N, C-alpha and C. Protein backbone atom coordinates (compact mmCIF):
# COMPACT_ATOMS: atom_id res chain seq x y z
N MET A 1 -5.03 -20.18 13.55
CA MET A 1 -5.42 -19.14 14.50
C MET A 1 -4.88 -17.78 14.07
N ILE A 2 -3.63 -17.76 13.61
CA ILE A 2 -3.03 -16.48 13.21
C ILE A 2 -3.75 -15.90 12.00
N ARG A 3 -4.26 -16.76 11.13
CA ARG A 3 -4.99 -16.27 9.96
C ARG A 3 -6.27 -15.55 10.37
N ILE A 4 -6.93 -16.05 11.38
CA ILE A 4 -8.14 -15.41 11.87
C ILE A 4 -7.82 -14.05 12.46
N VAL A 5 -6.74 -13.97 13.22
CA VAL A 5 -6.34 -12.69 13.83
C VAL A 5 -6.01 -11.68 12.75
N VAL A 6 -5.27 -12.10 11.72
CA VAL A 6 -4.91 -11.20 10.62
C VAL A 6 -6.17 -10.77 9.86
N LEU A 7 -7.09 -11.70 9.63
CA LEU A 7 -8.33 -11.36 8.93
C LEU A 7 -9.16 -10.36 9.72
N VAL A 8 -9.29 -10.56 11.01
CA VAL A 8 -10.03 -9.63 11.85
C VAL A 8 -9.36 -8.26 11.85
N ALA A 9 -8.03 -8.22 11.92
CA ALA A 9 -7.31 -6.95 11.89
C ALA A 9 -7.53 -6.24 10.56
N LEU A 10 -7.50 -6.97 9.46
CA LEU A 10 -7.73 -6.35 8.15
C LEU A 10 -9.15 -5.80 8.02
N VAL A 11 -10.11 -6.53 8.54
CA VAL A 11 -11.50 -6.05 8.50
C VAL A 11 -11.64 -4.78 9.33
N LEU A 12 -11.04 -4.75 10.50
CA LEU A 12 -11.11 -3.55 11.34
C LEU A 12 -10.44 -2.36 10.68
N VAL A 13 -9.30 -2.58 10.06
CA VAL A 13 -8.61 -1.50 9.35
C VAL A 13 -9.47 -1.00 8.20
N ALA A 14 -10.10 -1.90 7.47
CA ALA A 14 -10.96 -1.51 6.35
C ALA A 14 -12.15 -0.68 6.84
N ILE A 15 -12.73 -1.07 7.95
CA ILE A 15 -13.87 -0.31 8.50
C ILE A 15 -13.41 1.08 8.93
N MET A 16 -12.29 1.16 9.62
CA MET A 16 -11.79 2.46 10.07
C MET A 16 -11.41 3.34 8.89
N LEU A 17 -10.81 2.75 7.86
CA LEU A 17 -10.44 3.51 6.66
C LEU A 17 -11.68 4.03 5.94
N GLY A 18 -12.71 3.20 5.87
CA GLY A 18 -13.96 3.64 5.24
C GLY A 18 -14.60 4.81 5.97
N ARG A 19 -14.59 4.76 7.29
CA ARG A 19 -15.14 5.87 8.06
C ARG A 19 -14.33 7.14 7.87
N TYR A 20 -13.00 6.98 7.81
CA TYR A 20 -12.14 8.14 7.62
C TYR A 20 -12.35 8.76 6.24
N LEU A 21 -12.48 7.94 5.23
CA LEU A 21 -12.64 8.44 3.87
C LEU A 21 -13.97 9.18 3.68
N ARG A 22 -14.99 8.78 4.42
CA ARG A 22 -16.28 9.47 4.30
C ARG A 22 -16.23 10.89 4.83
N THR A 23 -15.27 11.20 5.71
CA THR A 23 -15.18 12.53 6.29
C THR A 23 -14.35 13.50 5.45
N LEU A 24 -13.68 13.01 4.40
CA LEU A 24 -12.79 13.87 3.62
C LEU A 24 -13.54 14.60 2.52
N ASP A 25 -13.07 15.81 2.22
CA ASP A 25 -13.58 16.52 1.07
C ASP A 25 -12.75 16.12 -0.15
N ALA A 26 -12.99 16.77 -1.29
CA ALA A 26 -12.31 16.39 -2.54
C ALA A 26 -10.79 16.58 -2.44
N GLU A 27 -10.36 17.69 -1.88
CA GLU A 27 -8.92 17.96 -1.76
C GLU A 27 -8.26 16.98 -0.79
N GLY A 28 -8.92 16.69 0.31
CA GLY A 28 -8.41 15.73 1.27
C GLY A 28 -8.33 14.33 0.68
N MET A 29 -9.32 13.98 -0.14
CA MET A 29 -9.33 12.68 -0.79
C MET A 29 -8.16 12.55 -1.76
N LYS A 30 -7.89 13.63 -2.49
CA LYS A 30 -6.77 13.62 -3.44
C LYS A 30 -5.44 13.43 -2.70
N LYS A 31 -5.26 14.14 -1.60
CA LYS A 31 -4.04 14.01 -0.80
C LYS A 31 -3.92 12.60 -0.24
N PHE A 32 -5.05 12.06 0.23
CA PHE A 32 -5.02 10.71 0.79
C PHE A 32 -4.56 9.70 -0.24
N TRP A 33 -5.12 9.75 -1.45
CA TRP A 33 -4.76 8.76 -2.46
C TRP A 33 -3.31 8.89 -2.89
N TRP A 34 -2.76 10.11 -2.94
CA TRP A 34 -1.34 10.27 -3.26
C TRP A 34 -0.47 9.66 -2.17
N LYS A 35 -0.82 9.91 -0.91
CA LYS A 35 -0.06 9.33 0.20
C LYS A 35 -0.20 7.81 0.20
N PHE A 36 -1.38 7.30 -0.05
CA PHE A 36 -1.62 5.87 -0.07
C PHE A 36 -0.80 5.21 -1.17
N ALA A 37 -0.77 5.82 -2.35
CA ALA A 37 0.02 5.27 -3.45
C ALA A 37 1.51 5.27 -3.11
N PHE A 38 1.98 6.32 -2.47
CA PHE A 38 3.39 6.39 -2.08
C PHE A 38 3.73 5.31 -1.06
N VAL A 39 2.89 5.15 -0.05
CA VAL A 39 3.14 4.12 0.98
C VAL A 39 3.09 2.73 0.35
N LEU A 40 2.15 2.49 -0.54
CA LEU A 40 2.05 1.19 -1.21
C LEU A 40 3.29 0.93 -2.06
N PHE A 41 3.77 1.95 -2.76
CA PHE A 41 4.98 1.81 -3.57
C PHE A 41 6.19 1.50 -2.71
N MET A 42 6.33 2.21 -1.60
CA MET A 42 7.48 1.98 -0.72
C MET A 42 7.40 0.59 -0.08
N ALA A 43 6.21 0.15 0.28
CA ALA A 43 6.05 -1.19 0.85
C ALA A 43 6.43 -2.26 -0.17
N ALA A 44 6.06 -2.04 -1.43
CA ALA A 44 6.43 -2.99 -2.48
C ALA A 44 7.94 -3.02 -2.68
N ILE A 45 8.59 -1.87 -2.66
CA ILE A 45 10.04 -1.81 -2.81
C ILE A 45 10.72 -2.53 -1.65
N ILE A 46 10.25 -2.30 -0.44
CA ILE A 46 10.85 -2.97 0.73
C ILE A 46 10.63 -4.48 0.64
N LEU A 47 9.44 -4.90 0.26
CA LEU A 47 9.15 -6.34 0.14
C LEU A 47 10.03 -6.97 -0.93
N LEU A 48 10.20 -6.31 -2.07
CA LEU A 48 11.05 -6.85 -3.12
C LEU A 48 12.51 -6.89 -2.68
N THR A 49 12.95 -5.90 -1.93
CA THR A 49 14.32 -5.89 -1.44
C THR A 49 14.56 -7.03 -0.47
N VAL A 50 13.66 -7.23 0.46
CA VAL A 50 13.83 -8.28 1.46
C VAL A 50 13.78 -9.66 0.81
N SER A 51 12.92 -9.84 -0.18
CA SER A 51 12.79 -11.14 -0.82
C SER A 51 13.88 -11.40 -1.86
N GLY A 52 14.67 -10.36 -2.20
CA GLY A 52 15.76 -10.54 -3.15
C GLY A 52 15.32 -10.48 -4.59
N ARG A 53 14.20 -9.84 -4.88
CA ARG A 53 13.70 -9.77 -6.25
C ARG A 53 13.71 -8.35 -6.82
N LEU A 54 14.39 -7.46 -6.16
CA LEU A 54 14.42 -6.08 -6.64
C LEU A 54 15.20 -5.96 -7.94
N HIS A 55 16.16 -6.85 -8.16
CA HIS A 55 16.94 -6.81 -9.39
C HIS A 55 16.06 -6.98 -10.63
N PHE A 56 14.96 -7.72 -10.50
CA PHE A 56 14.03 -7.91 -11.61
C PHE A 56 13.37 -6.58 -11.99
N VAL A 57 12.96 -5.82 -11.00
CA VAL A 57 12.33 -4.52 -11.24
C VAL A 57 13.36 -3.55 -11.83
N ALA A 58 14.58 -3.57 -11.30
CA ALA A 58 15.63 -2.70 -11.83
C ALA A 58 15.92 -3.03 -13.31
N ALA A 59 15.90 -4.30 -13.66
CA ALA A 59 16.11 -4.69 -15.06
C ALA A 59 14.98 -4.20 -15.94
N LEU A 60 13.74 -4.26 -15.45
CA LEU A 60 12.60 -3.76 -16.22
C LEU A 60 12.70 -2.25 -16.44
N VAL A 61 13.08 -1.52 -15.39
CA VAL A 61 13.22 -0.07 -15.50
C VAL A 61 14.34 0.28 -16.48
N ALA A 62 15.47 -0.42 -16.37
CA ALA A 62 16.57 -0.17 -17.28
C ALA A 62 16.19 -0.48 -18.72
N GLY A 63 15.44 -1.55 -18.91
CA GLY A 63 14.98 -1.89 -20.25
C GLY A 63 14.01 -0.87 -20.81
N ALA A 64 13.19 -0.30 -19.95
CA ALA A 64 12.22 0.71 -20.39
C ALA A 64 12.92 2.01 -20.78
N LEU A 65 14.01 2.30 -20.10
CA LEU A 65 14.76 3.52 -20.42
C LEU A 65 15.52 3.35 -21.71
């Protein structure tokens, strides 16, 4: 039952996001994608921190440097 609720919520969010994106001009679209990328990055960092796997990312960054 919870999967259906989550699926319906995701579909509704996708529809609302699609409508919002159609109203943006080029500059607004650019700002939106930068904000979206930042929020996605922060969500990934929080998820990795909570799950205890952030050390793996830190090791990759340190190795790249």
